[in-house]
Amino acid sequence: MPRNASILLGAGWSLILIGLGLALYDFLAYDTTVQAQGLASIVSEMVQGNRVHNQGLMNNRLVGVVLGTGLALLGGMLLVLQGLSESASSQHRMVVLLTVLANKQGANQQDLENALGR
């Protein structure tokens, strides 16, 4: 595997893992509630307890989920690019192999290995 392909593969999987980790943390574990104070605490205790949702924290949670999802999608795109470049590389090798075989009737194993780049 060429060096560029392994870099894309590693970067792609890293971005997927980081992105999914960030999105899952923000979606499942990020607390958007705060302690209610003053008159709001009296009303909120009667209705739902003494904690209320903070819109700023809810926005932070949303940004984290969107950012994590975007990173995971970017990592997936890098994996697709790596697959496409690998596919193009194997097609190029096949064209070289067929060209060598067409031009040289007495091609031996060494010629084939050289054509494939091994």
N, C-alpha and C. Protein backbone atom coordinates (compact mmCIF):
# COMPACT_ATOMS: atom_id res chain seq x y z
N MET A 1 0.86 -1.19 0.00
CA MET A 1 0.00 0.00 0.00
C MET A 1 0.90 1.24 0.00
N PRO A 2 0.65 2.16 -0.92
CA PRO A 2 1.45 3.38 -0.96
C PRO A 2 1.28 4.22 0.30
N ARG A 3 2.26 5.06 0.54
CA ARG A 3 2.25 5.87 1.76
C ARG A 3 1.04 6.80 1.82
N ASN A 4 0.68 7.43 0.69
CA ASN A 4 -0.46 8.35 0.68
C ASN A 4 -1.75 7.62 1.02
N ALA A 5 -1.90 6.39 0.54
CA ALA A 5 -3.11 5.62 0.83
C ALA A 5 -3.20 5.29 2.32
N SER A 6 -2.07 4.94 2.93
CA SER A 6 -2.11 4.61 4.36
C SER A 6 -2.38 5.86 5.21
N ILE A 7 -1.90 7.01 4.75
CA ILE A 7 -2.19 8.26 5.47
C ILE A 7 -3.68 8.57 5.40
N LEU A 8 -4.27 8.42 4.21
CA LEU A 8 -5.70 8.66 4.06
C LEU A 8 -6.51 7.68 4.89
N LEU A 9 -6.07 6.43 4.92
CA LEU A 9 -6.78 5.41 5.69
C LEU A 9 -6.74 5.73 7.18
N GLY A 10 -5.56 6.07 7.69
CA GLY A 10 -5.42 6.40 9.11
C GLY A 10 -6.17 7.67 9.48
N ALA A 11 -6.07 8.69 8.65
CA ALA A 11 -6.77 9.94 8.92
C ALA A 11 -8.28 9.75 8.85
N GLY A 12 -8.73 8.96 7.89
CA GLY A 12 -10.17 8.71 7.76
C GLY A 12 -10.74 8.02 8.99
N TRP A 13 -10.11 6.95 9.42
CA TRP A 13 -10.61 6.24 10.60
C TRP A 13 -10.49 7.09 11.86
N SER A 14 -9.43 7.87 11.97
CA SER A 14 -9.29 8.74 13.14
C SER A 14 -10.40 9.78 13.19
N LEU A 15 -10.70 10.41 12.06
CA LEU A 15 -11.77 11.40 12.04
C LEU A 15 -13.13 10.77 12.33
N ILE A 16 -13.35 9.57 11.83
CA ILE A 16 -14.62 8.89 12.11
C ILE A 16 -14.75 8.63 13.61
N LEU A 17 -13.70 8.10 14.22
CA LEU A 17 -13.77 7.79 15.66
C LEU A 17 -13.91 9.04 16.51
N ILE A 18 -13.15 10.08 16.20
CA ILE A 18 -13.23 11.33 16.96
C ILE A 18 -14.61 11.96 16.78
N GLY A 19 -15.08 12.00 15.54
CA GLY A 19 -16.38 12.60 15.26
C GLY A 19 -17.53 11.87 15.93
N LEU A 20 -17.53 10.55 15.85
CA LEU A 20 -18.60 9.78 16.49
C LEU A 20 -18.52 9.90 18.01
N GLY A 21 -17.30 9.91 18.55
CA GLY A 21 -17.14 10.09 20.00
C GLY A 21 -17.68 11.43 20.46
N LEU A 22 -17.35 12.48 19.73
CA LEU A 22 -17.82 13.82 20.08
C LEU A 22 -19.35 13.91 19.97
N ALA A 23 -19.89 13.40 18.88
CA ALA A 23 -21.34 13.46 18.67
C ALA A 23 -22.08 12.66 19.74
N LEU A 24 -21.59 11.47 20.05
CA LEU A 24 -22.26 10.65 21.06
C LEU A 24 -22.16 11.28 22.45
N TYR A 25 -20.99 11.83 22.78
CA TYR A 25 -20.86 12.49 24.08
C TYR A 25 -21.84 13.65 24.20
N ASP A 26 -21.85 14.51 23.18
CA ASP A 26 -22.73 15.68 23.24
C ASP A 26 -24.20 15.27 23.26
N PHE A 27 -24.56 14.24 22.52
CA PHE A 27 -25.96 13.84 22.44
C PHE A 27 -26.42 13.12 23.70
N LEU A 28 -25.56 12.26 24.26
CA LEU A 28 -26.00 11.42 25.38
C LEU A 28 -25.61 11.94 26.76
N ALA A 29 -24.46 12.60 26.88
CA ALA A 29 -23.95 12.92 28.22
C ALA A 29 -23.87 14.40 28.54
N TYR A 30 -24.05 15.27 27.57
CA TYR A 30 -23.91 16.71 27.81
C TYR A 30 -25.17 17.21 28.52
N ASP A 31 -25.01 17.73 29.73
CA ASP A 31 -26.14 18.20 30.54
C ASP A 31 -26.46 19.65 30.20
N THR A 32 -27.71 19.90 29.83
CA THR A 32 -28.11 21.25 29.44
C THR A 32 -28.95 21.93 30.52
N THR A 33 -29.03 21.33 31.71
CA THR A 33 -29.84 21.92 32.76
C THR A 33 -28.99 22.72 33.74
N VAL A 34 -29.62 23.72 34.37
CA VAL A 34 -28.97 24.52 35.41
C VAL A 34 -29.93 24.65 36.59
N GLN A 35 -29.38 25.01 37.71
CA GLN A 35 -30.17 25.20 38.92
C GLN A 35 -31.02 26.47 38.76
N ALA A 36 -32.31 26.35 38.98
CA ALA A 36 -33.21 27.52 38.88
C ALA A 36 -33.07 28.37 40.14
N GLN A 37 -33.18 29.72 39.96
CA GLN A 37 -33.06 30.63 41.09
C GLN A 37 -34.23 31.60 41.10
N GLY A 38 -34.55 32.12 42.25
CA GLY A 38 -35.59 33.15 42.38
C GLY A 38 -36.98 32.60 42.14
N LEU A 39 -37.82 33.41 41.53
CA LEU A 39 -39.21 33.04 41.27
C LEU A 39 -39.28 31.83 40.34
N ALA A 40 -38.33 31.74 39.41
CA ALA A 40 -38.31 30.61 38.48
C ALA A 40 -38.13 29.30 39.23
N SER A 41 -37.39 29.32 40.35
CA SER A 41 -37.18 28.08 41.10
C SER A 41 -38.48 27.63 41.76
N ILE A 42 -39.29 28.56 42.23
CA ILE A 42 -40.57 28.20 42.87
C ILE A 42 -41.50 27.56 41.84
N VAL A 43 -41.59 28.18 40.68
CA VAL A 43 -42.47 27.66 39.63
C VAL A 43 -41.94 26.34 39.10
N SER A 44 -40.63 26.25 38.86
CA SER A 44 -40.07 25.03 38.29
C SER A 44 -40.15 23.87 39.26
N GLU A 45 -40.05 24.12 40.57
CA GLU A 45 -40.18 23.04 41.54
C GLU A 45 -41.58 22.46 41.52
N MET A 46 -42.58 23.31 41.33
CA MET A 46 -43.95 22.82 41.28
C MET A 46 -44.19 21.99 40.02
N VAL A 47 -43.54 22.35 38.94
CA VAL A 47 -43.81 21.70 37.66
C VAL A 47 -42.87 20.52 37.42
N GLN A 48 -41.56 20.72 37.53
CA GLN A 48 -40.62 19.68 37.10
C GLN A 48 -39.42 19.49 38.00
N GLY A 49 -39.34 20.08 39.11
CA GLY A 49 -38.15 20.00 39.95
C GLY A 49 -37.43 21.33 39.93
N ASN A 50 -36.22 21.38 40.45
CA ASN A 50 -35.54 22.67 40.57
C ASN A 50 -34.47 22.89 39.51
N ARG A 51 -34.52 22.19 38.41
CA ARG A 51 -33.57 22.39 37.32
C ARG A 51 -34.33 22.75 36.05
N VAL A 52 -33.75 23.69 35.28
CA VAL A 52 -34.35 24.11 34.02
C VAL A 52 -33.30 24.01 32.91
N HIS A 53 -33.76 23.89 31.67
CA HIS A 53 -32.84 23.80 30.53
C HIS A 53 -32.35 25.20 30.15
N ASN A 54 -31.06 25.29 29.91
CA ASN A 54 -30.43 26.54 29.50
C ASN A 54 -30.27 26.53 27.99
N GLN A 55 -30.78 27.57 27.32
CA GLN A 55 -30.74 27.59 25.86
C GLN A 55 -29.31 27.68 25.31
N GLY A 56 -28.44 28.36 26.01
CA GLY A 56 -27.04 28.44 25.59
C GLY A 56 -26.38 27.07 25.61
N LEU A 57 -26.63 26.30 26.67
CA LEU A 57 -26.07 24.96 26.76
C LEU A 57 -26.69 24.03 25.72
N MET A 58 -27.98 24.23 25.45
CA MET A 58 -28.63 23.43 24.41
C MET A 58 -28.01 23.73 23.04
N ASN A 59 -27.67 24.99 22.79
CA ASN A 59 -27.01 25.35 21.54
C ASN A 59 -25.61 24.74 21.46
N ASN A 60 -24.87 24.75 22.57
CA ASN A 60 -23.55 24.13 22.59
C ASN A 60 -23.65 22.64 22.27
N ARG A 61 -24.67 22.00 22.81
CA ARG A 61 -24.90 20.58 22.57
C ARG A 61 -25.15 20.33 21.08
N LEU A 62 -25.99 21.16 20.48
CA LEU A 62 -26.30 21.02 19.06
C LEU A 62 -25.06 21.22 18.20
N VAL A 63 -24.26 22.22 18.53
CA VAL A 63 -23.03 22.48 17.77
C VAL A 63 -22.09 21.29 17.88
N GLY A 64 -21.97 20.71 19.06
CA GLY A 64 -21.11 19.54 19.23
C GLY A 64 -21.57 18.34 18.41
N VAL A 65 -22.87 18.11 18.38
CA VAL A 65 -23.40 17.00 17.59
C VAL A 65 -23.17 17.23 16.10
N VAL A 66 -23.42 18.45 15.64
CA VAL A 66 -23.22 18.76 14.22
C VAL A 66 -21.74 18.68 13.85
N LEU A 67 -20.87 19.20 14.69
CA LEU A 67 -19.43 19.14 14.43
C LEU A 67 -18.94 17.70 14.41
N GLY A 68 -19.36 16.91 15.38
CA GLY A 68 -18.95 15.50 15.41
C GLY A 68 -19.43 14.73 14.20
N THR A 69 -20.67 14.98 13.80
CA THR A 69 -21.21 14.31 12.62
C THR A 69 -20.44 14.74 11.37
N GLY A 70 -20.11 16.02 11.28
CA GLY A 70 -19.34 16.51 10.14
C GLY A 70 -17.95 15.88 10.07
N LEU A 71 -17.29 15.74 11.22
CA LEU A 71 -15.98 15.10 11.24
C LEU A 71 -16.07 13.64 10.81
N ALA A 72 -17.11 12.95 11.28
CA ALA A 72 -17.28 11.55 10.89
C ALA A 72 -17.54 11.44 9.39
N LEU A 73 -18.33 12.33 8.83
CA LEU A 73 -18.58 12.31 7.39
C LEU A 73 -17.31 12.63 6.60
N LEU A 74 -16.52 13.57 7.08
CA LEU A 74 -15.25 13.89 6.43
C LEU A 74 -14.32 12.67 6.44
N GLY A 75 -14.28 11.97 7.56
CA GLY A 75 -13.46 10.75 7.64
C GLY A 75 -13.95 9.70 6.66
N GLY A 76 -15.26 9.56 6.53
CA GLY A 76 -15.81 8.61 5.56
C GLY A 76 -15.44 8.99 4.13
N MET A 77 -15.46 10.28 3.85
CA MET A 77 -15.08 10.73 2.51
C MET A 77 -13.60 10.44 2.23
N LEU A 78 -12.75 10.57 3.24
CA LEU A 78 -11.34 10.24 3.06
C LEU A 78 -11.16 8.75 2.78
N LEU A 79 -11.95 7.90 3.44
CA LEU A 79 -11.87 6.46 3.18
C LEU A 79 -12.33 6.14 1.75
N VAL A 80 -13.36 6.83 1.29
CA VAL A 80 -13.83 6.62 -0.08
C VAL A 80 -12.75 7.07 -1.07
N LEU A 81 -12.12 8.21 -0.82
CA LEU A 81 -11.04 8.69 -1.69
C LEU A 81 -9.87 7.71 -1.71
N GLN A 82 -9.56 7.15 -0.57
CA GLN A 82 -8.48 6.17 -0.50
C GLN A 82 -8.84 4.94 -1.32
N GLY A 83 -10.08 4.50 -1.25
CA GLY A 83 -10.52 3.36 -2.04
C GLY A 83 -10.48 3.66 -3.53
N LEU A 84 -10.88 4.86 -3.91
CA LEU A 84 -10.85 5.24 -5.32
C LEU A 84 -9.42 5.31 -5.85
N SER A 85 -8.50 5.86 -5.04
CA SER A 85 -7.11 5.95 -5.50
C SER A 85 -6.49 4.56 -5.59
N GLU A 86 -6.86 3.68 -4.68
CA GLU A 86 -6.35 2.31 -4.73
C GLU A 86 -6.89 1.58 -5.96
N SER A 87 -8.15 1.82 -6.28
CA SER A 87 -8.76 1.22 -7.45
C SER A 87 -8.10 1.73 -8.73
N ALA A 88 -7.83 3.03 -8.79
CA ALA A 88 -7.17 3.60 -9.95
C ALA A 88 -5.76 3.05 -10.09
N SER A 89 -5.08 2.85 -8.97
CA SER A 89 -3.73 2.31 -9.00
C SER A 89 -3.74 0.87 -9.53
N SER A 90 -4.68 0.06 -9.11
CA SER A 90 -4.74 -1.32 -9.59
C SER A 90 -5.13 -1.36 -11.06
N GLN A 91 -5.99 -0.44 -11.51
CA GLN A 91 -6.33 -0.38 -12.93
C GLN A 91 -5.10 0.01 -13.75
N HIS A 92 -4.30 0.93 -13.23
CA HIS A 92 -3.08 1.34 -13.93
C HIS A 92 -2.12 0.16 -14.05
N ARG A 93 -1.98 -0.62 -13.00
CA ARG A 93 -1.10 -1.80 -13.05
C ARG A 93 -1.58 -2.80 -14.10
N MET A 94 -2.89 -2.98 -14.18
CA MET A 94 -3.43 -3.92 -15.15
C MET A 94 -3.15 -3.45 -16.58
N VAL A 95 -3.29 -2.14 -16.83
CA VAL A 95 -3.00 -1.59 -18.16
C VAL A 95 -1.53 -1.80 -18.49
N VAL A 96 -0.64 -1.56 -17.54
CA VAL A 96 0.79 -1.76 -17.78
C VAL A 96 1.07 -3.23 -18.06
N LEU A 97 0.46 -4.12 -17.30
CA LEU A 97 0.67 -5.55 -17.49
C LEU A 97 0.21 -5.98 -18.88
N LEU A 98 -0.96 -5.55 -19.29
CA LEU A 98 -1.47 -5.91 -20.62
C LEU A 98 -0.62 -5.31 -21.72
N THR A 99 -0.10 -4.11 -21.51
CA THR A 99 0.78 -3.49 -22.50
C THR A 99 2.07 -4.27 -22.64
N VAL A 100 2.66 -4.69 -21.53
CA VAL A 100 3.89 -5.48 -21.58
C VAL A 100 3.64 -6.80 -22.28
N LEU A 101 2.53 -7.45 -21.96
CA LEU A 101 2.24 -8.73 -22.59
C LEU A 101 1.98 -8.57 -24.09
N ALA A 102 1.32 -7.48 -24.47
CA ALA A 102 1.02 -7.25 -25.89
C ALA A 102 2.28 -6.94 -26.66
N ASN A 103 3.22 -6.22 -26.06
CA ASN A 103 4.44 -5.82 -26.76
C ASN A 103 5.52 -6.88 -26.74
N LYS A 104 5.42 -7.83 -25.86
CA LYS A 104 6.50 -8.80 -25.69
C LYS A 104 5.90 -10.20 -25.69
N GLN A 105 6.11 -10.92 -26.75
CA GLN A 105 5.52 -12.25 -26.83
C GLN A 105 6.16 -13.21 -25.84
N GLY A 106 7.41 -13.08 -25.61
CA GLY A 106 8.11 -14.01 -24.74
C GLY A 106 8.29 -13.44 -23.33
N ALA A 107 7.27 -12.81 -22.79
CA ALA A 107 7.37 -12.22 -21.45
C ALA A 107 7.54 -13.33 -20.41
N ASN A 108 8.50 -13.13 -19.51
CA ASN A 108 8.71 -14.10 -18.44
C ASN A 108 8.21 -13.54 -17.11
N GLN A 109 8.41 -14.31 -16.06
CA GLN A 109 7.91 -13.93 -14.74
C GLN A 109 8.52 -12.61 -14.27
N GLN A 110 9.80 -12.39 -14.56
CA GLN A 110 10.46 -11.15 -14.15
C GLN A 110 9.85 -9.94 -14.84
N ASP A 111 9.50 -10.07 -16.09
CA ASP A 111 8.85 -8.98 -16.82
C ASP A 111 7.48 -8.65 -16.21
N LEU A 112 6.76 -9.69 -15.85
CA LEU A 112 5.45 -9.48 -15.23
C LEU A 112 5.58 -8.78 -13.88
N GLU A 113 6.54 -9.21 -13.08
CA GLU A 113 6.78 -8.59 -11.78
C GLU A 113 7.17 -7.12 -11.94
N ASN A 114 8.01 -6.84 -12.91
CA ASN A 114 8.42 -5.46 -13.16
C ASN A 114 7.23 -4.61 -13.62
N ALA A 115 6.37 -5.18 -14.44
CA ALA A 115 5.21 -4.45 -14.94
C ALA A 115 4.23 -4.14 -13.83
N LEU A 116 4.12 -5.05 -12.88
CA LEU A 116 3.21 -4.84 -11.75
C LEU A 116 3.83 -3.98 -10.66
N GLY A 117 5.10 -3.68 -10.76
CA GLY A 117 5.74 -2.83 -9.77
C GLY A 117 6.07 -3.54 -8.48
N ARG A 118 6.30 -4.82 -8.55
CA ARG A 118 6.62 -5.59 -7.33
C ARG A 118 8.10 -5.74 -7.15
